[in-house]
N, C-alpha and C. Protein backbone atom coordinates (compact mmCIF):
# COMPACT_ATOMS: atom_id res chain seq x y z
N UNK A 1 151.09 173.92 68.09
CA UNK A 1 150.96 173.50 66.56
C UNK A 1 149.96 173.11 66.35
N UNK A 2 149.28 173.43 65.11
CA UNK A 2 148.00 172.67 64.56
C UNK A 2 148.44 171.74 64.19
N UNK A 3 147.38 170.72 64.32
CA UNK A 3 147.05 169.03 63.62
C UNK A 3 147.98 169.57 62.04
N UNK A 4 147.38 170.19 60.83
CA UNK A 4 147.69 170.43 59.85
C UNK A 4 149.33 170.63 59.67
N UNK A 5 149.64 171.57 61.02
CA UNK A 5 151.24 172.38 60.81
C UNK A 5 151.86 170.33 61.19
N UNK A 6 151.61 169.94 62.18
CA UNK A 6 152.16 168.62 62.26
C UNK A 6 152.53 168.01 61.33
N UNK A 7 151.33 167.59 60.86
CA UNK A 7 150.97 166.85 59.41
C UNK A 7 152.24 166.98 58.63
N UNK A 8 152.11 168.18 58.25
CA UNK A 8 153.10 169.03 57.47
C UNK A 8 154.33 168.36 57.53
N UNK A 9 154.75 168.70 58.96
CA UNK A 9 156.40 168.60 59.06
C UNK A 9 156.83 167.10 59.30
N UNK A 10 156.04 166.22 59.35
CA UNK A 10 156.38 165.07 59.52
C UNK A 10 156.31 164.20 57.58
N UNK A 11 155.34 165.39 56.92
CA UNK A 11 155.65 164.94 55.43
C UNK A 11 156.48 165.26 55.02
N UNK A 12 157.28 166.43 55.49
CA UNK A 12 158.50 167.08 54.82
C UNK A 12 159.67 165.96 54.68
N UNK A 13 159.51 165.48 55.94
CA UNK A 13 160.73 164.50 56.46
C UNK A 13 160.65 163.46 55.97
N UNK A 14 159.41 163.04 55.64
CA UNK A 14 159.32 161.51 54.58
C UNK A 14 160.35 161.36 52.94
N UNK A 15 161.15 160.65 52.60
CA UNK A 15 161.15 160.23 51.38
C UNK A 15 160.22 160.88 50.60
N UNK A 16 160.49 161.72 49.19
CA UNK A 16 159.64 162.21 48.04
C UNK A 16 158.69 160.94 47.75
N UNK A 17 159.78 159.95 47.72
CA UNK A 17 158.72 158.35 47.23
C UNK A 17 157.43 157.77 47.73
N UNK A 18 157.63 158.17 49.14
CA UNK A 18 156.26 157.90 50.07
C UNK A 18 155.48 159.18 50.52
N UNK A 19 155.99 160.31 50.12
CA UNK A 19 155.25 161.87 49.96
C UNK A 19 154.08 161.32 48.79
N UNK A 20 154.77 160.87 47.69
CA UNK A 20 153.86 160.65 46.40
C UNK A 20 152.73 159.29 46.67
N UNK A 21 153.45 158.48 47.49
CA UNK A 21 152.42 157.70 47.65
C UNK A 21 151.20 158.22 49.12
N UNK A 22 151.56 158.80 50.05
CA UNK A 22 150.63 159.35 51.04
C UNK A 22 149.54 160.16 50.12
N UNK A 23 150.01 161.12 49.21
CA UNK A 23 149.47 161.92 48.15
C UNK A 23 148.04 161.06 47.64
N UNK A 24 148.34 159.84 47.08
CA UNK A 24 147.56 159.41 46.39
C UNK A 24 146.30 159.01 47.39
N UNK A 25 147.07 158.39 49.00
CA UNK A 25 146.03 157.81 49.71
C UNK A 25 145.16 158.77 50.23
N UNK A 26 145.76 160.35 50.38
CA UNK A 26 144.71 161.40 51.04
C UNK A 26 143.57 161.61 50.08
N UNK A 27 143.77 161.81 48.64
CA UNK A 27 142.81 161.86 47.34
C UNK A 27 141.71 160.87 47.66
N UNK A 28 142.09 159.96 47.62
CA UNK A 28 140.82 159.15 48.04
C UNK A 28 140.24 158.93 49.08
N UNK A 29 140.83 159.93 50.07
CA UNK A 29 140.07 160.38 51.08
C UNK A 29 139.08 161.21 51.26
N UNK A 30 139.36 162.23 50.29
CA UNK A 30 138.44 163.45 50.37
C UNK A 30 137.72 163.34 48.84
N UNK A 31 136.49 163.67 49.69
CA UNK A 31 135.42 163.64 48.64
C UNK A 31 134.77 164.90 48.18
N UNK A 32 134.33 165.51 47.34
CA UNK A 32 134.31 166.95 46.65
C UNK A 32 133.40 167.51 47.59
N UNK A 33 132.64 166.67 48.51
CA UNK A 33 131.22 167.28 49.66
C UNK A 33 132.48 168.09 50.80
N UNK A 34 133.73 167.42 51.11
CA UNK A 34 134.62 168.14 51.74
C UNK A 34 135.27 169.38 51.90
N UNK A 35 134.95 169.51 50.46
CA UNK A 35 135.85 170.84 49.93
C UNK A 35 134.78 172.54 49.68
N UNK A 36 135.26 173.19 50.39
CA UNK A 36 134.28 174.42 50.50
C UNK A 36 134.95 175.14 49.35
N UNK A 37 133.83 175.58 48.62
CA UNK A 37 133.91 176.67 47.59
C UNK A 37 134.11 177.84 47.96
N UNK A 38 134.18 179.22 47.20
CA UNK A 38 134.70 180.41 47.60
C UNK A 38 133.03 181.01 48.06
N UNK A 39 132.22 180.56 47.49
CA UNK A 39 130.61 180.79 47.68
C UNK A 39 130.15 180.12 49.20
N UNK A 40 130.82 178.92 49.58
CA UNK A 40 130.54 178.35 50.34
C UNK A 40 131.15 179.13 51.83
N UNK A 41 132.51 179.33 51.69
CA UNK A 41 133.19 180.32 52.70
C UNK A 41 132.24 181.87 52.84
N UNK A 42 132.31 182.31 52.11
CA UNK A 42 131.14 183.49 52.13
C UNK A 42 129.47 183.42 52.36
N UNK A 43 129.26 182.35 52.42
CA UNK A 43 128.12 182.44 52.89
C UNK A 43 128.20 182.04 54.58
N UNK A 44 129.39 181.12 54.60
CA UNK A 44 129.45 180.94 56.13
C UNK A 44 130.11 182.14 56.83
N UNK A 45 130.73 182.61 56.44
CA UNK A 45 131.46 184.20 57.24
C UNK A 45 130.04 185.17 57.23
N UNK A 46 129.21 185.28 56.32
CA UNK A 46 128.10 185.80 56.39
C UNK A 46 126.97 185.53 57.13
N UNK A 47 126.42 184.23 57.26
CA UNK A 47 126.18 183.83 58.61
C UNK A 47 126.68 183.82 59.82
N UNK A 48 127.75 183.69 60.10
CA UNK A 48 128.42 184.19 61.17
C UNK A 48 127.89 185.49 61.68
N UNK A 49 128.31 186.50 60.69
CA UNK A 49 128.33 187.93 61.04
C UNK A 49 126.64 188.13 61.28
N UNK A 50 125.72 187.13 60.77
CA UNK A 50 124.22 187.46 61.25
C UNK A 50 124.49 186.91 62.48
N UNK A 51 124.23 185.81 63.26
CA UNK A 51 124.62 185.36 63.65
C UNK A 51 125.18 186.46 65.73
N UNK A 52 126.13 186.85 64.99
CA UNK A 52 126.91 188.34 65.77
C UNK A 52 126.22 188.79 66.06
N UNK A 53 125.06 189.40 64.85
CA UNK A 53 124.54 190.46 65.28
C UNK A 53 123.04 190.40 66.04
N UNK A 54 122.78 189.00 66.09
CA UNK A 54 121.44 188.52 66.62
C UNK A 54 120.21 188.60 65.79
N UNK A 55 120.83 188.14 64.59
CA UNK A 55 120.05 187.86 63.31
C UNK A 55 119.45 186.43 63.57
N UNK A 56 119.02 185.74 64.09
CA UNK A 56 118.51 184.35 64.38
C UNK A 56 117.37 184.04 64.58
N UNK A 57 116.77 182.69 64.56
CA UNK A 57 115.91 182.13 64.96
C UNK A 57 115.92 181.36 65.73
N UNK A 58 115.45 181.19 67.26
CA UNK A 58 115.53 180.16 68.09
C UNK A 58 115.21 179.04 67.68
N UNK A 59 115.58 177.50 67.63
CA UNK A 59 114.94 176.39 67.56
C UNK A 59 113.63 176.13 68.35
N UNK A 60 113.73 176.70 69.39
CA UNK A 60 112.37 176.47 70.34
C UNK A 60 111.40 177.83 69.91
N UNK A 61 111.71 178.78 68.95
CA UNK A 61 110.40 179.34 68.78
C UNK A 61 110.12 179.26 67.24
N UNK A 62 110.08 178.10 66.81
CA UNK A 62 109.79 177.47 65.64
C UNK A 62 108.71 176.86 65.75
N UNK A 63 107.63 176.78 65.24
CA UNK A 63 106.42 176.16 64.95
C UNK A 63 106.44 175.24 64.34
N UNK A 64 106.72 173.93 65.13
CA UNK A 64 107.34 172.63 63.84
C UNK A 64 105.77 171.73 63.59
N UNK A 65 104.37 172.09 63.95
CA UNK A 65 103.38 171.37 63.63
C UNK A 65 102.85 171.86 62.67
């Protein structure tokens, strides 16, 4: 069972009043930088596909001077 599933199971067992409090707490812990946009997800998928095809430059092949 994933961590998210475990959290969900526990939260579902809590009284609604506590769920509301927990929701407000969690909102304070999430920044907009933590949330991926659809464009971010597409870019990540594209990068993974390129990497799988061997389309990358190794760190040691870059002239950093």
